[in-house]
């Protein structure tokens, strides 16, 4: 049986709660430390062999068990890079990225729980891709791998990796729900999402046509 949101903080085990708070405090006090020690390694031991964090019961309503979303409009979190997840949580919490559903959900989760959630979801096996429209995916692959230089669009793979696996700096796109990917590209293009570093995604998405964004989302969903 799931714990109610109101009981999440009270039911955390003391060791896990203490570790989460300590890691979060370190990041606030010495943000430069992550240059030498990755955020993921700091909290890796907190959940590597442990069960689902209690706070994840709030997340599961949209993102599914272990971060494998069954709703096409919500992203898979399983296997996403820790640094990217931490940045998105921080941006939502501080209003740099806006979403009514996320704002309501995070209101039920103490910020000291963020590191544990990040470590838990980043440690899960990524969601395998699902084959969709073959012709559409082929068009998306061409843009992802080669870009569209006449339109000023660089290959997406130059940042997100050859198979969309991402890195500590750039998010994993492989296996992501196409509907979610398309919505994010649309939001970047319209500047409705604006938490990208140095406007990179807004600049690139702004040059993509609707057809190109749809094909990219289809291709990435199948990786």
C-alpha atoms as a PDB file:
ATOM      1  CA  UNK A   1       0.000   0.000   0.000  1.00  0.00           C
ATOM      2  CA  UNK A   2       1.349   3.445  -0.900  1.00  0.00           C
ATOM      3  CA  UNK A   3       1.963   6.040   1.788  1.00  0.00           C
ATOM      4  CA  UNK A   4      -0.114   9.169   1.575  1.00  0.00           C
ATOM      5  CA  UNK A   5       1.722  12.326   0.403  1.00  0.00           C
ATOM      6  CA  UNK A   6       1.188  13.931   3.793  1.00  0.00           C
ATOM      7  CA  UNK A   7       3.029  11.086   5.507  1.00  0.00           C
ATOM      8  CA  UNK A   8       6.062  10.959   3.223  1.00  0.00           C
ATOM      9  CA  UNK A   9       8.413  13.065   5.342  1.00  0.00           C
ATOM     10  CA  UNK A  10       7.433  11.368   8.582  1.00  0.00           C
ATOM     11  CA  UNK A  11       7.987   7.850   7.238  1.00  0.00           C
ATOM     12  CA  UNK A  12      11.469   8.252   5.794  1.00  0.00           C
ATOM     13  CA  UNK A  13      14.158   6.160   7.455  1.00  0.00           C
ATOM     14  CA  UNK A  14      16.601   8.242   9.489  1.00  0.00           C
ATOM     15  CA  UNK A  15      19.778   7.114   7.659  1.00  0.00           C
ATOM     16  CA  UNK A  16      18.390   7.836   4.199  1.00  0.00           C
ATOM     17  CA  UNK A  17      16.877  11.139   5.239  1.00  0.00           C
ATOM     18  CA  UNK A  18      20.084  12.215   6.930  1.00  0.00           C
ATOM     19  CA  UNK A  19      22.175  11.337   3.885  1.00  0.00           C
ATOM     20  CA  UNK A  20      19.823  13.136   1.514  1.00  0.00           C
ATOM     21  CA  UNK A  21      19.893  16.257   3.652  1.00  0.00           C
ATOM     22  CA  UNK A  22      23.691  16.149   3.962  1.00  0.00           C
ATOM     23  CA  UNK A  23      24.204  15.860   0.203  1.00  0.00           C
ATOM     24  CA  UNK A  24      21.722  18.637  -0.514  1.00  0.00           C
ATOM     25  CA  UNK A  25      23.405  20.890   2.052  1.00  0.00           C
ATOM     26  CA  UNK A  26      26.817  20.241   0.485  1.00  0.00           C
ATOM     27  CA  UNK A  27      25.510  21.270  -2.928  1.00  0.00           C
ATOM     28  CA  UNK A  28      24.111  24.500  -1.519  1.00  0.00           C
ATOM     29  CA  UNK A  29      27.231  25.377   0.417  1.00  0.00           C
ATOM     30  CA  UNK A  30      29.842  24.328  -2.173  1.00  0.00           C
ATOM     31  CA  UNK A  31      28.292  24.250  -5.664  1.00  0.00           C
ATOM     32  CA  UNK A  32      31.759  24.129  -7.198  1.00  0.00           C
ATOM     33  CA  UNK A  33      32.337  20.726  -5.671  1.00  0.00           C
ATOM     34  CA  UNK A  34      30.392  19.056  -8.481  1.00  0.00           C
ATOM     35  CA  UNK A  35      33.199  20.060 -10.824  1.00  0.00           C
ATOM     36  CA  UNK A  36      35.380  17.410  -9.169  1.00  0.00           C
ATOM     37  CA  UNK A  37      32.871  14.915  -7.793  1.00  0.00           C
ATOM     38  CA  UNK A  38      29.715  14.127  -9.758  1.00  0.00           C
ATOM     39  CA  UNK A  39      26.396  14.549  -8.038  1.00  0.00           C
ATOM     40  CA  UNK A  40      25.444  10.982  -8.876  1.00  0.00           C
ATOM     41  CA  UNK A  41      28.483   9.530  -7.083  1.00  0.00           C
ATOM     42  CA  UNK A  42      27.648  11.454  -3.919  1.00  0.00           C
ATOM     43  CA  UNK A  43      24.279   9.772  -3.516  1.00  0.00           C
ATOM     44  CA  UNK A  44      24.899   6.527  -5.356  1.00  0.00           C
ATOM     45  CA  UNK A  45      25.133   4.470  -2.177  1.00  0.00           C
ATOM     46  CA  UNK A  46      21.854   5.827  -0.832  1.00  0.00           C
ATOM     47  CA  UNK A  47      19.666   3.872  -3.219  1.00  0.00           C
ATOM     48  CA  UNK A  48      21.890   1.551  -5.240  1.00  0.00           C
ATOM     49  CA  UNK A  49      20.629  -1.521  -3.420  1.00  0.00           C
ATOM     50  CA  UNK A  50      17.667   0.037  -1.660  1.00  0.00           C
ATOM     51  CA  UNK A  51      13.936   0.095  -2.397  1.00  0.00           C
ATOM     52  CA  UNK A  52      11.962   2.799  -4.126  1.00  0.00           C
ATOM     53  CA  UNK A  53      12.172   6.066  -2.141  1.00  0.00           C
ATOM     54  CA  UNK A  54       8.906   6.891  -0.425  1.00  0.00           C
ATOM     55  CA  UNK A  55       8.769  10.260  -2.163  1.00  0.00           C
ATOM     56  CA  UNK A  56       8.648   8.421  -5.505  1.00  0.00           C
ATOM     57  CA  UNK A  57       5.052   7.447  -4.726  1.00  0.00           C
ATOM     58  CA  UNK A  58       4.136  11.001  -5.683  1.00  0.00           C
ATOM     59  CA  UNK A  59       6.125  10.766  -8.932  1.00  0.00           C
ATOM     60  CA  UNK A  60       4.694   7.370  -9.911  1.00  0.00           C
ATOM     61  CA  UNK A  61       1.246   8.829 -10.571  1.00  0.00           C
ATOM     62  CA  UNK A  62       2.589  10.390 -13.784  1.00  0.00           C
ATOM     63  CA  UNK A  63       6.000   8.836 -14.396  1.00  0.00           C
ATOM     64  CA  UNK A  64       5.065   5.233 -13.647  1.00  0.00           C
ATOM     65  CA  UNK A  65       6.729   2.562 -11.549  1.00  0.00           C
ATOM     66  CA  UNK A  66      10.514   3.011 -11.448  1.00  0.00           C
ATOM     67  CA  UNK A  67      10.221   5.974 -13.813  1.00  0.00           C
ATOM     68  CA  UNK A  68       8.742   4.033 -16.740  1.00  0.00           C
ATOM     69  CA  UNK A  69       5.854   6.203 -17.836  1.00  0.00           C
ATOM     70  CA  UNK A  70       2.763   4.596 -19.340  1.00  0.00           C
ATOM     71  CA  UNK A  71       1.236   7.969 -20.258  1.00  0.00           C
ATOM     72  CA  UNK A  72       2.625   9.294 -23.569  1.00  0.00           C
ATOM     73  CA  UNK A  73       2.621  12.923 -22.462  1.00  0.00           C
ATOM     74  CA  UNK A  74       4.808  12.296 -19.402  1.00  0.00           C
ATOM     75  CA  UNK A  75       8.539  11.568 -19.668  1.00  0.00           C
ATOM     76  CA  UNK A  76      10.331   8.393 -18.755  1.00  0.00           C
ATOM     77  CA  UNK A  77      12.744   9.100 -15.906  1.00  0.00           C
ATOM     78  CA  UNK A  78      14.394   5.681 -15.746  1.00  0.00           C
ATOM     79  CA  UNK A  79      18.053   5.872 -16.734  1.00  0.00           C
ATOM     80  CA  UNK A  80      18.062   9.649 -17.152  1.00  0.00           C
ATOM     81  CA  UNK A  81      21.325  11.313 -16.179  1.00  0.00           C
ATOM     82  CA  UNK A  82      21.548  12.437 -12.561  1.00  0.00           C
ATOM     83  CA  UNK A  83      22.826  15.944 -13.279  1.00  0.00           C
ATOM     84  CA  UNK A  84      20.004  16.585 -15.735  1.00  0.00           C
ATOM     85  CA  UNK A  85      17.338  15.307 -13.335  1.00  0.00           C
ATOM     86  CA  UNK A  86      18.725  17.440 -10.516  1.00  0.00           C
ATOM     87  CA  UNK A  87      18.715  20.546 -12.714  1.00  0.00           C
ATOM     88  CA  UNK A  88      15.112  19.990 -13.802  1.00  0.00           C
ATOM     89  CA  UNK A  89      13.910  19.471 -10.231  1.00  0.00           C
ATOM     90  CA  UNK A  90      15.719  22.614  -9.127  1.00  0.00           C
ATOM     91  CA  UNK A  91      14.341  24.588 -12.077  1.00  0.00           C
ATOM     92  CA  UNK A  92      10.770  23.463 -11.352  1.00  0.00           C
ATOM     93  CA  UNK A  93      11.168  24.245  -7.659  1.00  0.00           C
ATOM     94  CA  UNK A  94      12.525  27.738  -8.397  1.00  0.00           C
ATOM     95  CA  UNK A  95      10.061  28.531 -11.175  1.00  0.00           C
ATOM     96  CA  UNK A  96      12.618  28.525 -13.978  1.00  0.00           C
ATOM     97  CA  UNK A  97      10.633  25.731 -15.642  1.00  0.00           C
ATOM     98  CA  UNK A  98       6.869  25.896 -15.375  1.00  0.00           C
ATOM     99  CA  UNK A  99       4.322  23.083 -15.263  1.00  0.00           C
ATOM    100  CA  UNK A 100       1.211  23.068 -13.087  1.00  0.00           C
ATOM    101  CA  UNK A 101       1.290  19.306 -12.523  1.00  0.00           C
ATOM    102  CA  UNK A 102       4.943  19.308 -11.481  1.00  0.00           C
ATOM    103  CA  UNK A 103       4.490  22.327  -9.244  1.00  0.00           C
ATOM    104  CA  UNK A 104       1.641  20.605  -7.414  1.00  0.00           C
ATOM    105  CA  UNK A 105       3.587  17.343  -7.108  1.00  0.00           C
ATOM    106  CA  UNK A 106       6.781  18.970  -5.839  1.00  0.00           C
ATOM    107  CA  UNK A 107       4.807  20.848  -3.206  1.00  0.00           C
ATOM    108  CA  UNK A 108       4.429  17.433  -1.534  1.00  0.00           C
ATOM    109  CA  UNK A 109       8.138  16.527  -1.697  1.00  0.00           C
ATOM    110  CA  UNK A 110      10.755  18.099   0.612  1.00  0.00           C
ATOM    111  CA  UNK A 111      13.748  19.444  -1.305  1.00  0.00           C
ATOM    112  CA  UNK A 112      15.974  17.307   0.902  1.00  0.00           C
ATOM    113  CA  UNK A 113      14.445  14.308  -0.909  1.00  0.00           C
ATOM    114  CA  UNK A 114      15.548  15.493  -4.358  1.00  0.00           C
ATOM    115  CA  UNK A 115      19.020  13.844  -4.249  1.00  0.00           C
ATOM    116  CA  UNK A 116      17.537  10.480  -3.276  1.00  0.00           C
ATOM    117  CA  UNK A 117      14.949  10.659  -6.055  1.00  0.00           C
ATOM    118  CA  UNK A 118      17.602  11.661  -8.578  1.00  0.00           C
ATOM    119  CA  UNK A 119      19.887   8.806  -7.595  1.00  0.00           C
ATOM    120  CA  UNK A 120      17.021   6.311  -7.649  1.00  0.00           C
ATOM    121  CA  UNK A 121      15.711   7.192 -11.102  1.00  0.00           C
ATOM    122  CA  UNK A 122      19.135   7.582 -12.711  1.00  0.00           C
ATOM    123  CA  UNK A 123      20.066   4.087 -11.476  1.00  0.00           C
ATOM    124  CA  UNK A 124      17.096   2.402 -13.172  1.00  0.00           C
ATOM    125  CA  UNK A 125      17.477   0.574 -16.479  1.00  0.00           C
ATOM    126  CA  UNK A 126      16.495   2.862 -19.386  1.00  0.00           C
ATOM    127  CA  UNK A 127      13.219   2.199 -21.144  1.00  0.00           C
ATOM    128  CA  UNK A 128      13.755   0.304 -24.443  1.00  0.00           C
ATOM    129  CA  UNK A 129      12.583   2.004 -27.607  1.00  0.00           C
ATOM    130  CA  UNK A 130       9.318   1.108 -29.318  1.00  0.00           C
ATOM    131  CA  UNK A 131       9.077   0.827 -33.089  1.00  0.00           C
ATOM    132  CA  UNK A 132       6.591   3.178 -34.702  1.00  0.00           C
ATOM    133  CA  UNK A 133       6.230   4.754 -38.125  1.00  0.00           C
ATOM    134  CA  UNK A 134       9.265   3.485 -40.067  1.00  0.00           C
ATOM    135  CA  UNK A 135       9.277   6.198 -42.748  1.00  0.00           C
ATOM    136  CA  UNK A 136       8.818   8.968 -40.196  1.00  0.00           C
ATOM    137  CA  UNK A 137      11.596   7.577 -38.014  1.00  0.00           C
ATOM    138  CA  UNK A 138      13.942   7.398 -41.018  1.00  0.00           C
ATOM    139  CA  UNK A 139      13.410  11.106 -41.687  1.00  0.00           C
ATOM    140  CA  UNK A 140      14.058  11.849 -38.041  1.00  0.00           C
ATOM    141  CA  UNK A 141      17.233   9.793 -38.035  1.00  0.00           C
ATOM    142  CA  UNK A 142      18.634  11.852 -40.904  1.00  0.00           C
ATOM    143  CA  UNK A 143      18.098  15.093 -38.995  1.00  0.00           C
ATOM    144  CA  UNK A 144      19.412  13.596 -35.761  1.00  0.00           C
ATOM    145  CA  UNK A 145      22.597  12.282 -37.351  1.00  0.00           C
ATOM    146  CA  UNK A 146      23.238  14.821 -40.111  1.00  0.00           C
ATOM    147  CA  UNK A 147      21.252  17.914 -39.207  1.00  0.00           C
ATOM    148  CA  UNK A 148      19.963  20.344 -41.820  1.00  0.00           C
ATOM    149  CA  UNK A 149      22.862  22.696 -42.404  1.00  0.00           C
ATOM    150  CA  UNK A 150      21.128  24.937 -44.997  1.00  0.00           C
ATOM    151  CA  UNK A 151      18.503  25.657 -42.341  1.00  0.00           C
ATOM    152  CA  UNK A 152      21.159  26.177 -39.679  1.00  0.00           C
ATOM    153  CA  UNK A 153      20.258  22.977 -37.802  1.00  0.00           C
ATOM    154  CA  UNK A 154      23.226  20.991 -36.434  1.00  0.00           C
ATOM    155  CA  UNK A 155      23.013  17.210 -35.892  1.00  0.00           C
ATOM    156  CA  UNK A 156      21.250  16.458 -32.613  1.00  0.00           C
ATOM    157  CA  UNK A 157      23.804  13.687 -32.082  1.00  0.00           C
ATOM    158  CA  UNK A 158      26.540  16.284 -31.648  1.00  0.00           C
ATOM    159  CA  UNK A 159      25.162  16.984 -28.160  1.00  0.00           C
ATOM    160  CA  UNK A 160      22.937  14.015 -27.325  1.00  0.00           C
ATOM    161  CA  UNK A 161      25.221  11.237 -28.610  1.00  0.00           C
ATOM    162  CA  UNK A 162      25.034   8.885 -31.557  1.00  0.00           C
ATOM    163  CA  UNK A 163      22.187   6.832 -30.089  1.00  0.00           C
ATOM    164  CA  UNK A 164      20.555   9.576 -28.053  1.00  0.00           C
ATOM    165  CA  UNK A 165      22.078   8.312 -24.800  1.00  0.00           C
ATOM    166  CA  UNK A 166      23.079  11.814 -23.684  1.00  0.00           C
ATOM    167  CA  UNK A 167      25.708  12.630 -21.085  1.00  0.00           C
ATOM    168  CA  UNK A 168      26.051  14.378 -17.735  1.00  0.00           C
ATOM    169  CA  UNK A 169      25.543  17.649 -19.574  1.00  0.00           C
ATOM    170  CA  UNK A 170      22.828  16.657 -22.040  1.00  0.00           C
ATOM    171  CA  UNK A 171      19.711  14.538 -21.359  1.00  0.00           C
ATOM    172  CA  UNK A 172      19.066  11.038 -22.590  1.00  0.00           C
ATOM    173  CA  UNK A 173      16.521  11.145 -25.425  1.00  0.00           C
ATOM    174  CA  UNK A 174      16.544   7.489 -26.486  1.00  0.00           C
ATOM    175  CA  UNK A 175      13.320   5.650 -25.711  1.00  0.00           C
ATOM    176  CA  UNK A 176      11.504   8.793 -24.656  1.00  0.00           C
ATOM    177  CA  UNK A 177       7.777   9.010 -25.326  1.00  0.00           C
ATOM    178  CA  UNK A 178       7.374  10.699 -28.751  1.00  0.00           C
ATOM    179  CA  UNK A 179       4.431  12.812 -27.603  1.00  0.00           C
ATOM    180  CA  UNK A 180       6.500  14.213 -24.741  1.00  0.00           C
ATOM    181  CA  UNK A 181       9.557  14.875 -26.934  1.00  0.00           C
ATOM    182  CA  UNK A 182       7.417  16.652 -29.521  1.00  0.00           C
ATOM    183  CA  UNK A 183       5.811  18.827 -26.846  1.00  0.00           C
ATOM    184  CA  UNK A 184       9.208  19.871 -25.460  1.00  0.00           C
ATOM    185  CA  UNK A 185      10.503  20.771 -28.924  1.00  0.00           C
ATOM    186  CA  UNK A 186       7.326  22.762 -29.545  1.00  0.00           C
ATOM    187  CA  UNK A 187       7.690  24.559 -26.214  1.00  0.00           C
ATOM    188  CA  UNK A 188      11.340  25.394 -26.868  1.00  0.00           C
ATOM    189  CA  UNK A 189      10.458  26.703 -30.324  1.00  0.00           C
ATOM    190  CA  UNK A 190       7.764  28.953 -28.843  1.00  0.00           C
ATOM    191  CA  UNK A 191      10.063  29.954 -25.933  1.00  0.00           C
ATOM    192  CA  UNK A 192       7.445  28.601 -23.549  1.00  0.00           C
ATOM    193  CA  UNK A 193      10.183  26.459 -22.094  1.00  0.00           C
ATOM    194  CA  UNK A 194      13.262  28.528 -21.404  1.00  0.00           C
ATOM    195  CA  UNK A 195      15.496  26.720 -18.930  1.00  0.00           C
ATOM    196  CA  UNK A 196      17.994  25.610 -21.569  1.00  0.00           C
ATOM    197  CA  UNK A 197      21.575  26.745 -21.003  1.00  0.00           C
ATOM    198  CA  UNK A 198      22.604  29.607 -23.288  1.00  0.00           C
ATOM    199  CA  UNK A 199      19.359  29.267 -25.272  1.00  0.00           C
ATOM    200  CA  UNK A 200      20.765  26.303 -27.205  1.00  0.00           C
ATOM    201  CA  UNK A 201      17.516  24.367 -27.523  1.00  0.00           C
ATOM    202  CA  UNK A 202      15.463  27.467 -28.244  1.00  0.00           C
ATOM    203  CA  UNK A 203      17.810  28.390 -31.079  1.00  0.00           C
ATOM    204  CA  UNK A 204      17.811  24.892 -32.604  1.00  0.00           C
ATOM    205  CA  UNK A 205      14.096  24.180 -32.151  1.00  0.00           C
ATOM    206  CA  UNK A 206      13.272  27.591 -33.577  1.00  0.00           C
ATOM    207  CA  UNK A 207      14.716  26.447 -36.923  1.00  0.00           C
ATOM    208  CA  UNK A 208      12.940  23.086 -37.002  1.00  0.00           C
ATOM    209  CA  UNK A 209       9.746  22.687 -39.005  1.00  0.00           C
ATOM    210  CA  UNK A 210       6.740  20.964 -37.448  1.00  0.00           C
ATOM    211  CA  UNK A 211       7.355  17.956 -39.699  1.00  0.00           C
ATOM    212  CA  UNK A 212      10.998  17.741 -38.622  1.00  0.00           C
ATOM    213  CA  UNK A 213      10.075  17.868 -34.947  1.00  0.00           C
ATOM    214  CA  UNK A 214       7.501  15.110 -35.409  1.00  0.00           C
ATOM    215  CA  UNK A 215       9.965  12.871 -37.224  1.00  0.00           C
ATOM    216  CA  UNK A 216      12.680  13.463 -34.624  1.00  0.00           C
ATOM    217  CA  UNK A 217      10.320  12.528 -31.807  1.00  0.00           C
ATOM    218  CA  UNK A 218       9.329   9.339 -33.631  1.00  0.00           C
ATOM    219  CA  UNK A 219      12.940   8.342 -34.273  1.00  0.00           C
ATOM    220  CA  UNK A 220      14.059   8.964 -30.695  1.00  0.00           C
ATOM    221  CA  UNK A 221      11.144   6.978 -29.308  1.00  0.00           C
ATOM    222  CA  UNK A 222      12.407   3.918 -31.154  1.00  0.00           C
ATOM    223  CA  UNK A 223      16.024   4.006 -29.958  1.00  0.00           C
END
